[in-house]
C-alpha atoms as a PDB file:
ATOM      1  CA  MET A   1      53.332  45.344 294.113  1.00  0.00           C
ATOM      2  CA  SER A   2      50.357  42.930 294.033  1.00  0.00           C
ATOM      3  CA  ASN A   3      49.749  41.051 290.664  1.00  0.00           C
ATOM      4  CA  GLU A   4      45.923  41.127 291.195  1.00  0.00           C
ATOM      5  CA  LYS A   5      43.682  43.926 290.102  1.00  0.00           C
ATOM      6  CA  TYR A   6      39.868  44.099 289.694  1.00  0.00           C
ATOM      7  CA  ASP A   7      37.961  45.411 286.556  1.00  0.00           C
ATOM      8  CA  ASP A   8      35.087  47.504 286.307  1.00  0.00           C
ATOM      9  CA  ARG A   9      32.689  44.928 287.317  1.00  0.00           C
ATOM     10  CA  GLY A  10      34.624  43.635 290.132  1.00  0.00           C
ATOM     11  CA  ASN A  11      36.195  40.640 288.480  1.00  0.00           C
ATOM     12  CA  LEU A  12      39.514  39.710 289.567  1.00  0.00           C
ATOM     13  CA  ILE A  13      42.193  40.078 287.016  1.00  0.00           C
ATOM     14  CA  TYR A  14      45.686  38.362 287.326  1.00  0.00           C
ATOM     15  CA  TYR A  15      48.716  39.548 285.724  1.00  0.00           C
ATOM     16  CA  LYS A  16      51.191  36.927 284.714  1.00  0.00           C
ATOM     17  CA  THR A  17      54.259  39.251 285.216  1.00  0.00           C
ATOM     18  CA  SER A  18      55.168  42.115 287.411  1.00  0.00           C
ATOM     19  CA  TYR A  19      55.739  43.930 284.109  1.00  0.00           C
ATOM     20  CA  GLY A  20      52.204  43.526 283.044  1.00  0.00           C
ATOM     21  CA  CYS A  21      51.043  44.907 286.326  1.00  0.00           C
ATOM     22  CA  GLU A  22      53.469  47.882 286.004  1.00  0.00           C
ATOM     23  CA  VAL A  23      52.220  48.882 282.750  1.00  0.00           C
ATOM     24  CA  TRP A  24      48.490  48.722 283.744  1.00  0.00           C
ATOM     25  CA  ASN A  25      49.399  50.686 286.722  1.00  0.00           C
ATOM     26  CA  GLU A  26      51.247  53.251 284.468  1.00  0.00           C
ATOM     27  CA  TYR A  27      48.080  53.499 282.104  1.00  0.00           C
ATOM     28  CA  ASN A  28      45.623  53.628 285.013  1.00  0.00           C
ATOM     29  CA  GLU A  29      47.374  56.331 286.808  1.00  0.00           C
ATOM     30  CA  ASN A  30      48.033  58.215 283.361  1.00  0.00           C
ATOM     31  CA  ILE A  31      51.721  58.864 284.439  1.00  0.00           C
ATOM     32  CA  SER A  32      53.702  58.286 281.207  1.00  0.00           C
ATOM     33  CA  ASP A  33      53.709  60.106 277.921  1.00  0.00           C
ATOM     34  CA  GLU A  34      52.480  56.788 276.291  1.00  0.00           C
ATOM     35  CA  ALA A  35      49.717  56.202 278.878  1.00  0.00           C
ATOM     36  CA  LYS A  36      48.575  59.842 278.290  1.00  0.00           C
ATOM     37  CA  LEU A  37      48.557  59.223 274.641  1.00  0.00           C
ATOM     38  CA  VAL A  38      46.453  55.987 274.824  1.00  0.00           C
ATOM     39  CA  HIS A  39      43.841  57.742 276.983  1.00  0.00           C
ATOM     40  CA  GLU A  40      43.642  60.386 274.310  1.00  0.00           C
ATOM     41  CA  VAL A  41      43.417  57.816 271.460  1.00  0.00           C
ATOM     42  CA  ASP A  42      40.556  56.234 273.515  1.00  0.00           C
ATOM     43  CA  LYS A  43      38.693  59.750 273.576  1.00  0.00           C
ATOM     44  CA  PHE A  44      39.497  59.961 269.853  1.00  0.00           C
ATOM     45  CA  GLU A  45      37.813  56.732 269.288  1.00  0.00           C
ATOM     46  CA  MET A  46      34.840  57.869 271.194  1.00  0.00           C
ATOM     47  CA  VAL A  47      34.382  60.724 268.722  1.00  0.00           C
ATOM     48  CA  ILE A  48      34.671  58.245 265.805  1.00  0.00           C
ATOM     49  CA  GLN A  49      32.059  56.077 267.379  1.00  0.00           C
ATOM     50  CA  ALA A  50      29.774  59.226 267.720  1.00  0.00           C
ATOM     51  CA  LEU A  51      30.316  60.022 263.967  1.00  0.00           C
ATOM     52  CA  SER A  52      29.458  56.415 263.127  1.00  0.00           C
ATOM     53  CA  TYR A  53      26.228  56.740 265.259  1.00  0.00           C
ATOM     54  CA  ALA A  54      25.286  59.904 263.515  1.00  0.00           C
ATOM     55  CA  ASN A  55      25.845  58.113 260.117  1.00  0.00           C
ATOM     56  CA  ASP A  56      23.328  55.610 261.250  1.00  0.00           C
ATOM     57  CA  GLY A  57      20.801  58.258 261.999  1.00  0.00           C
ATOM     58  CA  ILE A  58      21.375  59.063 265.544  1.00  0.00           C
ATOM     59  CA  GLU A  59      20.669  62.912 266.211  1.00  0.00           C
ATOM     60  CA  LYS A  60      24.001  64.881 266.266  1.00  0.00           C
ATOM     61  CA  GLU A  61      22.412  66.837 269.247  1.00  0.00           C
ATOM     62  CA  LYS A  62      22.279  63.603 271.378  1.00  0.00           C
ATOM     63  CA  LEU A  63      25.956  62.762 270.440  1.00  0.00           C
ATOM     64  CA  GLU A  64      27.347  66.348 271.157  1.00  0.00           C
ATOM     65  CA  PRO A  65      28.119  65.700 274.776  1.00  0.00           C
ATOM     66  CA  PHE A  66      30.404  62.740 273.851  1.00  0.00           C
ATOM     67  CA  VAL A  67      32.177  64.729 271.275  1.00  0.00           C
ATOM     68  CA  ASN A  68      32.586  67.638 273.504  1.00  0.00           C
ATOM     69  CA  SER A  69      33.883  65.604 276.340  1.00  0.00           C
ATOM     70  CA  ALA A  70      36.335  63.884 274.040  1.00  0.00           C
ATOM     71  CA  LYS A  71      37.444  67.045 272.427  1.00  0.00           C
ATOM     72  CA  SER A  72      38.195  68.751 275.820  1.00  0.00           C
ATOM     73  CA  GLN A  73      40.375  65.711 276.813  1.00  0.00           C
ATOM     74  CA  ILE A  74      42.601  65.572 273.619  1.00  0.00           C
ATOM     75  CA  ASN A  75      45.800  67.668 273.913  1.00  0.00           C
ATOM     76  CA  SER A  76      47.800  66.027 271.177  1.00  0.00           C
ATOM     77  CA  LYS A  77      48.117  68.546 268.209  1.00  0.00           C
ATOM     78  CA  GLN A  78      48.234  65.779 265.785  1.00  0.00           C
ATOM     79  CA  LEU A  79      44.954  64.125 267.167  1.00  0.00           C
ATOM     80  CA  LYS A  80      43.282  67.710 267.250  1.00  0.00           C
ATOM     81  CA  GLU A  81      44.174  68.457 263.654  1.00  0.00           C
ATOM     82  CA  ILE A  82      42.539  65.009 262.571  1.00  0.00           C
ATOM     83  CA  LEU A  83      39.601  65.504 264.819  1.00  0.00           C
ATOM     84  CA  ASP A  84      38.898  69.025 263.349  1.00  0.00           C
ATOM     85  CA  LYS A  85      39.045  67.559 260.034  1.00  0.00           C
ATOM     86  CA  LEU A  86      36.712  64.798 260.782  1.00  0.00           C
ATOM     87  CA  LEU A  87      34.261  67.185 262.395  1.00  0.00           C
ATOM     88  CA  GLN A  88      34.156  69.643 259.438  1.00  0.00           C
END
């Protein structure tokens, strides 16, 4: 397994350990329960950011695609419950 990867901008990223590379691959491929949860938390944070923008005056209609996209990708019962309360 190579210890080099590229980020979204094409910059080379080196991992100091094979474990770091392993964890990154696990996250990137979304293969473990932990990786899936981290992806869902990332989507959850996207909704929180959209709500923050709404509080700053951005029209809610413009933010709906972000919220709907995030909601569709969250499967955790606990995160869904919190999300529903935030969106009331």
